[in-house]
C-alpha atoms as a PDB file:
ATOM      1  CA  MET A   1     111.273-178.928 313.351  1.00  0.00           C
ATOM      2  CA  ALA A   2     107.817-179.140 311.800  1.00  0.00           C
ATOM      3  CA  LYS A   3     107.558-179.824 308.087  1.00  0.00           C
ATOM      4  CA  LYS A   4     105.530-177.209 306.205  1.00  0.00           C
ATOM      5  CA  ILE A   5     102.636-178.247 303.996  1.00  0.00           C
ATOM      6  CA  LEU A   6     100.934-175.768 301.661  1.00  0.00           C
ATOM      7  CA  VAL A   7      97.297-176.750 301.058  1.00  0.00           C
ATOM      8  CA  ILE A   8      95.442-175.066 298.180  1.00  0.00           C
ATOM      9  CA  GLU A   9      91.818-176.198 298.230  1.00  0.00           C
ATOM     10  CA  ASP A  10      88.708-174.103 297.538  1.00  0.00           C
ATOM     11  CA  ASP A  11      86.243-176.345 299.393  1.00  0.00           C
ATOM     12  CA  LYS A  12      86.296-175.025 302.971  1.00  0.00           C
ATOM     13  CA  ASP A  13      85.209-178.309 304.554  1.00  0.00           C
ATOM     14  CA  ILE A  14      87.859-180.329 302.731  1.00  0.00           C
ATOM     15  CA  ARG A  15      90.523-177.681 303.417  1.00  0.00           C
ATOM     16  CA  ASP A  16      89.643-177.532 307.125  1.00  0.00           C
ATOM     17  CA  THR A  17      89.712-181.333 307.381  1.00  0.00           C
ATOM     18  CA  ILE A  18      93.131-181.550 305.729  1.00  0.00           C
ATOM     19  CA  VAL A  19      94.503-178.792 307.965  1.00  0.00           C
ATOM     20  CA  TYR A  20      93.128-180.455 311.117  1.00  0.00           C
ATOM     21  CA  VAL A  21      94.465-183.907 310.235  1.00  0.00           C
ATOM     22  CA  LEU A  22      97.925-182.649 309.289  1.00  0.00           C
ATOM     23  CA  GLU A  23      98.229-180.408 312.344  1.00  0.00           C
ATOM     24  CA  GLU A  24      97.354-183.431 314.498  1.00  0.00           C
ATOM     25  CA  GLU A  25     100.326-185.140 312.807  1.00  0.00           C
ATOM     26  CA  HIS A  26     102.496-182.158 313.862  1.00  0.00           C
ATOM     27  CA  TYR A  27     102.880-180.559 310.426  1.00  0.00           C
ATOM     28  CA  GLU A  28     102.859-176.798 310.022  1.00  0.00           C
ATOM     29  CA  VAL A  29     100.047-176.112 307.564  1.00  0.00           C
ATOM     30  CA  ILE A  30      99.572-173.039 305.409  1.00  0.00           C
ATOM     31  CA  ALA A  31      96.130-173.153 303.787  1.00  0.00           C
ATOM     32  CA  SER A  32      94.621-171.115 300.974  1.00  0.00           C
ATOM     33  CA  GLU A  33      91.358-171.190 299.063  1.00  0.00           C
ATOM     34  CA  ASP A  34      93.047-170.067 295.839  1.00  0.00           C
ATOM     35  CA  ALA A  35      96.330-170.197 293.958  1.00  0.00           C
ATOM     36  CA  LYS A  36      97.238-166.544 294.569  1.00  0.00           C
ATOM     37  CA  ILE A  37      99.317-167.719 297.518  1.00  0.00           C
ATOM     38  CA  LEU A  38     101.789-169.234 295.048  1.00  0.00           C
ATOM     39  CA  LYS A  39     103.002-165.698 294.286  1.00  0.00           C
ATOM     40  CA  ARG A  40     104.431-165.670 297.820  1.00  0.00           C
ATOM     41  CA  ILE A  41     105.702-169.250 297.904  1.00  0.00           C
ATOM     42  CA  SER A  42     109.260-168.171 298.719  1.00  0.00           C
ATOM     43  CA  ASP A  43     107.929-166.667 301.979  1.00  0.00           C
ATOM     44  CA  PHE A  44     106.834-170.148 303.128  1.00  0.00           C
ATOM     45  CA  ASN A  45     109.301-172.523 301.463  1.00  0.00           C
ATOM     46  CA  PRO A  46     106.932-175.508 301.926  1.00  0.00           C
ATOM     47  CA  ASP A  47     108.130-179.102 302.067  1.00  0.00           C
ATOM     48  CA  LEU A  48     105.048-180.205 300.093  1.00  0.00           C
ATOM     49  CA  ILE A  49     102.172-178.653 298.138  1.00  0.00           C
ATOM     50  CA  LEU A  50      98.732-180.285 298.157  1.00  0.00           C
ATOM     51  CA  LEU A  51      96.926-178.738 295.203  1.00  0.00           C
ATOM     52  CA  ASP A  52      93.279-179.073 294.220  1.00  0.00           C
ATOM     53  CA  ASN A  53      92.990-179.533 290.454  1.00  0.00           C
ATOM     54  CA  TRP A  54      89.850-177.405 290.072  1.00  0.00           C
ATOM     55  CA  LEU A  55      89.608-174.191 292.063  1.00  0.00           C
ATOM     56  CA  THR A  56      86.213-172.611 291.418  1.00  0.00           C
ATOM     57  CA  ASP A  57      87.134-168.976 291.992  1.00  0.00           C
ATOM     58  CA  TRP A  58      90.147-168.785 289.704  1.00  0.00           C
ATOM     59  CA  LYS A  59      90.342-165.657 287.610  1.00  0.00           C
ATOM     60  CA  SER A  60      92.325-167.462 284.936  1.00  0.00           C
ATOM     61  CA  ASP A  61      91.957-170.680 282.980  1.00  0.00           C
ATOM     62  CA  ALA A  62      94.814-172.316 284.883  1.00  0.00           C
ATOM     63  CA  ASN A  63      94.135-175.549 286.716  1.00  0.00           C
ATOM     64  CA  GLY A  64      96.140-177.625 289.173  1.00  0.00           C
ATOM     65  CA  GLN A  65      97.824-179.526 286.380  1.00  0.00           C
ATOM     66  CA  GLN A  66      99.055-176.302 284.755  1.00  0.00           C
ATOM     67  CA  LEU A  67     100.093-174.801 288.094  1.00  0.00           C
ATOM     68  CA  SER A  68     102.000-177.965 288.967  1.00  0.00           C
ATOM     69  CA  LYS A  69     103.783-177.922 285.612  1.00  0.00           C
ATOM     70  CA  GLY A  70     104.726-174.276 286.209  1.00  0.00           C
ATOM     71  CA  LEU A  71     106.072-175.035 289.685  1.00  0.00           C
ATOM     72  CA  LYS A  72     108.057-178.013 288.408  1.00  0.00           C
ATOM     73  CA  SER A  73     109.564-176.046 285.504  1.00  0.00           C
ATOM     74  CA  ASN A  74     110.678-173.163 287.749  1.00  0.00           C
ATOM     75  CA  PRO A  75     114.180-173.773 289.192  1.00  0.00           C
ATOM     76  CA  ALA A  76     113.164-171.955 292.408  1.00  0.00           C
ATOM     77  CA  THR A  77     110.267-174.360 293.106  1.00  0.00           C
ATOM     78  CA  SER A  78     111.052-177.514 291.117  1.00  0.00           C
ATOM     79  CA  HIS A  79     112.363-179.294 294.240  1.00  0.00           C
ATOM     80  CA  ILE A  80     109.040-178.978 296.098  1.00  0.00           C
ATOM     81  CA  PRO A  81     106.879-182.107 295.785  1.00  0.00           C
ATOM     82  CA  VAL A  82     103.398-181.408 294.389  1.00  0.00           C
ATOM     83  CA  VAL A  83     100.428-183.705 294.984  1.00  0.00           C
ATOM     84  CA  ILE A  84      97.269-182.954 292.995  1.00  0.00           C
ATOM     85  CA  ILE A  85      93.907-183.638 294.641  1.00  0.00           C
ATOM     86  CA  SER A  86      90.848-184.278 292.489  1.00  0.00           C
ATOM     87  CA  ALA A  87      87.679-186.322 292.100  1.00  0.00           C
ATOM     88  CA  VAL A  88      88.112-186.777 288.334  1.00  0.00           C
ATOM     89  CA  SER A  89      88.514-190.318 287.088  1.00  0.00           C
ATOM     90  CA  ASN A  90      91.704-189.573 285.140  1.00  0.00           C
ATOM     91  CA  ILE A  91      93.583-187.967 288.046  1.00  0.00           C
ATOM     92  CA  LYS A  92      96.647-190.176 287.458  1.00  0.00           C
ATOM     93  CA  GLU A  93      97.004-188.868 283.895  1.00  0.00           C
ATOM     94  CA  ILE A  94      96.381-185.270 285.011  1.00  0.00           C
ATOM     95  CA  ALA A  95      99.074-185.567 287.690  1.00  0.00           C
ATOM     96  CA  GLU A  96     101.557-187.083 285.220  1.00  0.00           C
ATOM     97  CA  ALA A  97     100.846-184.401 282.601  1.00  0.00           C
ATOM     98  CA  GLY A  98     101.419-181.729 285.258  1.00  0.00           C
ATOM     99  CA  ASP A  99     104.735-183.285 286.332  1.00  0.00           C
ATOM    100  CA  ALA A 100     103.214-183.714 289.817  1.00  0.00           C
ATOM    101  CA  ASP A 101     104.923-186.085 292.201  1.00  0.00           C
ATOM    102  CA  GLY A 102     101.674-187.777 293.155  1.00  0.00           C
ATOM    103  CA  TYR A 103      97.913-187.517 293.436  1.00  0.00           C
ATOM    104  CA  ILE A 104      95.065-188.136 295.849  1.00  0.00           C
ATOM    105  CA  ARG A 105      91.642-189.096 294.560  1.00  0.00           C
ATOM    106  CA  LYS A 106      88.622-187.508 296.276  1.00  0.00           C
ATOM    107  CA  PRO A 107      86.948-188.648 298.391  1.00  0.00           C
ATOM    108  CA  PHE A 108      90.101-189.735 300.183  1.00  0.00           C
ATOM    109  CA  ASP A 109      90.732-191.759 303.279  1.00  0.00           C
ATOM    110  CA  LEU A 110      92.476-189.767 306.036  1.00  0.00           C
ATOM    111  CA  THR A 111      95.056-192.519 306.485  1.00  0.00           C
ATOM    112  CA  GLU A 112      95.826-192.304 302.761  1.00  0.00           C
ATOM    113  CA  LEU A 113      96.276-188.534 303.089  1.00  0.00           C
ATOM    114  CA  ILE A 114      98.729-188.945 305.969  1.00  0.00           C
ATOM    115  CA  ASP A 115     100.634-191.701 304.132  1.00  0.00           C
ATOM    116  CA  ILE A 116     101.014-189.545 300.998  1.00  0.00           C
ATOM    117  CA  VAL A 117     102.194-186.550 303.038  1.00  0.00           C
ATOM    118  CA  LYS A 118     104.738-188.687 304.907  1.00  0.00           C
ATOM    119  CA  LYS A 119     105.931-190.168 301.620  1.00  0.00           C
ATOM    120  CA  PHE A 120     106.653-186.789 300.031  1.00  0.00           C
ATOM    121  CA  ALA A 121     107.357-184.467 302.975  1.00  0.00           C
ATOM    122  CA  GLY A 122     108.676-186.923 305.548  1.00  0.00           C
ATOM    123  CA  VAL A 123     107.587-187.317 309.138  1.00  0.00           C
ATOM    124  CA  SER A 124     107.209-184.083 311.037  1.00  0.00           C
ATOM    125  CA  VAL A 125     109.090-183.933 314.336  1.00  0.00           C
ATOM    126  CA  VAL A 126     107.689-182.107 317.342  1.00  0.00           C
END
């Protein structure tokens, strides 16, 4: 059964690239340009969340770090690994402060992306 990956990334090109690469690796990918999808997370029950730290169209002041912390402090979602994606130089500290399980620094290598997904979600089986 395919592992489900939730990708929240506002940059369409980056989001489309991630979706393409992960689908080629036989993951089921749910993609969103904003964090509103998290309100329906129980509908998807993802095996991993890839979360951009800065989403440009947010209506609130929340960022990926704060969203990750909220997911990790909620008993219903605390078991889901969260990997924050960002180009900021202090991404490691941001991920740690948000209780994220890992991080990916932009620009990222596609092999690195696949390795991180396999590490936290496992290998998807066709």
